[in-house]
């Protein structure tokens, strides 16, 4: 399985190379409105983080938007790395207002300095996992702003 992942994504990394995934980390559950996530994410993560959106079912219009704004694409599936800024979030808010989550995103990951700091697999149904490096008060404020439940794993 791991060899298939490495061939598909042309990488030597394992899909399990998230050092904090099995250790204590912040988990946000029950996000009732994805639009709130995009409205408030910049209060949690630093500007110029990289958001990776993976989608294999997005419409041509959404894929065109991703391609036009992507700093990189990779893999046999549609995977786009986007520089986090207010313009991008405004557009993602518009998309999330008009489409169900699975119509524009399967998995959402955020990196800072090539380090994974947030992942949301099976977007938008699964919990959000956030690196334990984030301050509890900041993560708690974010979870309250998006009307979700914060727990520490």
Protein backbone atom coordinates (compact mmCIF):
# COMPACT_ATOMS: atom_id res chain seq x y z
CA UNK A 1 0.00 0.00 0.00
CA UNK A 2 2.72 2.50 0.92
CA UNK A 3 4.65 1.65 -2.27
CA UNK A 4 1.53 2.39 -4.32
CA UNK A 5 1.21 5.75 -2.53
CA UNK A 6 4.84 6.57 -3.27
CA UNK A 7 4.43 5.72 -6.95
CA UNK A 8 1.11 7.56 -7.32
CA UNK A 9 2.39 10.73 -5.70
CA UNK A 10 5.98 10.46 -6.89
CA UNK A 11 7.35 10.79 -3.38
CA UNK A 12 9.53 8.96 -0.88
CA UNK A 13 7.29 10.10 1.96
CA UNK A 14 4.80 7.80 3.57
CA UNK A 15 1.14 8.86 3.80
CA UNK A 16 1.65 8.36 7.52
CA UNK A 17 4.54 10.87 7.85
CA UNK A 18 2.67 13.24 10.12
CA UNK A 19 4.71 13.15 13.32
CA UNK A 20 1.92 14.47 15.52
CA UNK A 21 -0.94 12.40 14.12
CA UNK A 22 -0.46 9.62 16.67
CA UNK A 23 0.61 12.00 19.40
CA UNK A 24 -1.37 14.68 21.19
CA UNK A 25 -2.81 17.18 18.73
CA UNK A 26 -5.80 19.50 18.48
CA UNK A 27 -8.93 18.01 16.96
CA UNK A 28 -11.93 20.01 15.86
CA UNK A 29 -15.12 18.04 15.33
CA UNK A 30 -18.58 18.76 14.03
CA UNK A 31 -17.91 21.74 11.78
CA UNK A 32 -21.48 22.77 10.92
CA UNK A 33 -20.64 25.29 8.20
CA UNK A 34 -17.52 25.02 6.02
CA UNK A 35 -17.90 28.65 5.02
CA UNK A 36 -17.02 29.60 8.61
CA UNK A 37 -13.79 27.61 8.28
CA UNK A 38 -12.69 29.71 5.31
CA UNK A 39 -13.86 32.95 6.98
CA UNK A 40 -11.76 32.34 10.09
CA UNK A 41 -8.80 30.16 9.09
CA UNK A 42 -6.49 33.16 8.66
CA UNK A 43 -7.02 33.97 12.34
CA UNK A 44 -5.38 30.62 13.13
CA UNK A 45 -2.68 30.07 10.53
CA UNK A 46 0.04 32.45 9.39
CA UNK A 47 -0.34 34.30 6.10
CA UNK A 48 1.62 32.72 3.28
CA UNK A 49 0.91 29.22 4.49
CA UNK A 50 0.25 26.77 1.68
CA UNK A 51 -3.18 25.18 1.39
CA UNK A 52 -3.31 21.95 -0.57
CA UNK A 53 -6.71 21.05 -1.91
CA UNK A 54 -7.26 17.62 -3.40
CA UNK A 55 -10.33 16.96 -5.46
CA UNK A 56 -11.18 14.36 -8.05
CA UNK A 57 -14.80 15.41 -8.59
CA UNK A 58 -14.68 19.22 -8.77
CA UNK A 59 -16.42 20.91 -11.66
CA UNK A 60 -14.45 22.33 -14.58
CA UNK A 61 -15.07 25.87 -13.32
CA UNK A 62 -13.68 25.13 -9.87
CA UNK A 63 -10.73 23.21 -11.33
CA UNK A 64 -10.00 26.17 -13.60
CA UNK A 65 -9.97 28.45 -10.54
CA UNK A 66 -7.59 26.10 -8.72
CA UNK A 67 -5.28 25.86 -11.73
CA UNK A 68 -5.23 29.64 -12.21
CA UNK A 69 -4.33 30.23 -8.56
CA UNK A 70 -2.10 27.24 -7.94
CA UNK A 71 1.57 27.64 -7.20
CA UNK A 72 1.99 23.91 -7.90
CA UNK A 73 0.01 20.83 -8.90
CA UNK A 74 0.92 17.22 -8.39
CA UNK A 75 -0.13 13.61 -8.61
CA UNK A 76 -2.49 11.72 -10.87
CA UNK A 77 -5.44 13.22 -9.01
CA UNK A 78 -6.27 16.90 -8.97
CA UNK A 79 -4.15 18.32 -6.15
CA UNK A 80 -3.45 22.04 -5.97
CA UNK A 81 -1.14 24.01 -3.70
CA UNK A 82 -2.50 27.50 -3.10
CA UNK A 83 -0.91 30.41 -1.25
CA UNK A 84 -3.19 31.36 1.65
CA UNK A 85 -4.29 34.98 1.46
CA UNK A 86 -7.50 36.95 1.87
CA UNK A 87 -8.34 36.89 -1.86
CA UNK A 88 -8.13 33.08 -1.93
CA UNK A 89 -10.27 32.79 1.20
CA UNK A 90 -12.88 35.16 -0.26
CA UNK A 91 -13.17 32.96 -3.35
CA UNK A 92 -13.32 29.75 -1.27
CA UNK A 93 -16.08 31.34 0.80
CA UNK A 94 -18.03 31.98 -2.40
CA UNK A 95 -17.42 28.41 -3.59
CA UNK A 96 -18.45 26.94 -0.22
CA UNK A 97 -21.61 29.06 -0.21
CA UNK A 98 -22.67 27.60 -3.56
CA UNK A 99 -21.41 24.01 -3.47
CA UNK A 100 -21.37 21.05 -1.10
CA UNK A 101 -17.90 20.34 0.30
CA UNK A 102 -17.26 17.16 -1.68
CA UNK A 103 -18.01 19.08 -4.90
CA UNK A 104 -14.81 21.13 -4.55
CA UNK A 105 -12.58 19.39 -2.01
CA UNK A 106 -11.85 15.82 -0.88
CA UNK A 107 -8.87 16.55 1.37
CA UNK A 108 -7.50 19.84 2.67
CA UNK A 109 -4.00 20.20 4.06
CA UNK A 110 -2.12 23.29 5.22
CA UNK A 111 1.65 23.60 5.35
CA UNK A 112 3.97 26.19 6.83
CA UNK A 113 7.65 26.05 5.93
CA UNK A 114 7.11 22.62 4.34
CA UNK A 115 5.66 21.28 7.59
CA UNK A 116 2.09 19.99 7.77
CA UNK A 117 0.21 22.05 10.35
CA UNK A 118 -3.41 21.13 9.61
CA UNK A 119 -5.17 18.33 7.82
CA UNK A 120 -8.79 17.69 7.10
CA UNK A 121 -9.19 14.37 5.34
CA UNK A 122 -12.55 13.38 3.92
CA UNK A 123 -13.55 17.01 3.90
CA UNK A 124 -15.94 18.14 5.28
CA UNK A 125 -17.16 15.16 7.32
CA UNK A 126 -14.10 14.10 9.28
CA UNK A 127 -12.51 16.05 12.12
CA UNK A 128 -9.81 18.64 11.53
CA UNK A 129 -6.41 17.74 12.99
CA UNK A 130 -4.13 20.63 13.96
CA UNK A 131 -0.51 20.51 15.01
CA UNK A 132 0.00 20.67 18.79
CA UNK A 133 2.45 23.54 18.18
CA UNK A 134 -0.52 25.92 18.11
CA UNK A 135 -1.47 27.76 21.28
CA UNK A 136 -4.60 26.35 22.94
CA UNK A 137 -6.26 29.75 23.27
CA UNK A 138 -5.82 30.43 19.56
CA UNK A 139 -7.19 27.01 18.54
CA UNK A 140 -10.05 27.36 21.01
CA UNK A 141 -11.00 30.78 19.61
CA UNK A 142 -10.90 29.36 16.08
CA UNK A 143 -13.13 26.41 17.02
CA UNK A 144 -15.63 28.76 18.68
CA UNK A 145 -15.65 31.05 15.63
CA UNK A 146 -16.51 28.11 13.38
CA UNK A 147 -19.04 26.80 15.93
CA UNK A 148 -17.30 23.45 16.29
CA UNK A 149 -16.09 21.28 19.16
CA UNK A 150 -12.43 21.35 20.21
CA UNK A 151 -10.81 18.35 21.87
CA UNK A 152 -7.19 17.46 22.54
CA UNK A 153 -6.12 14.03 21.44
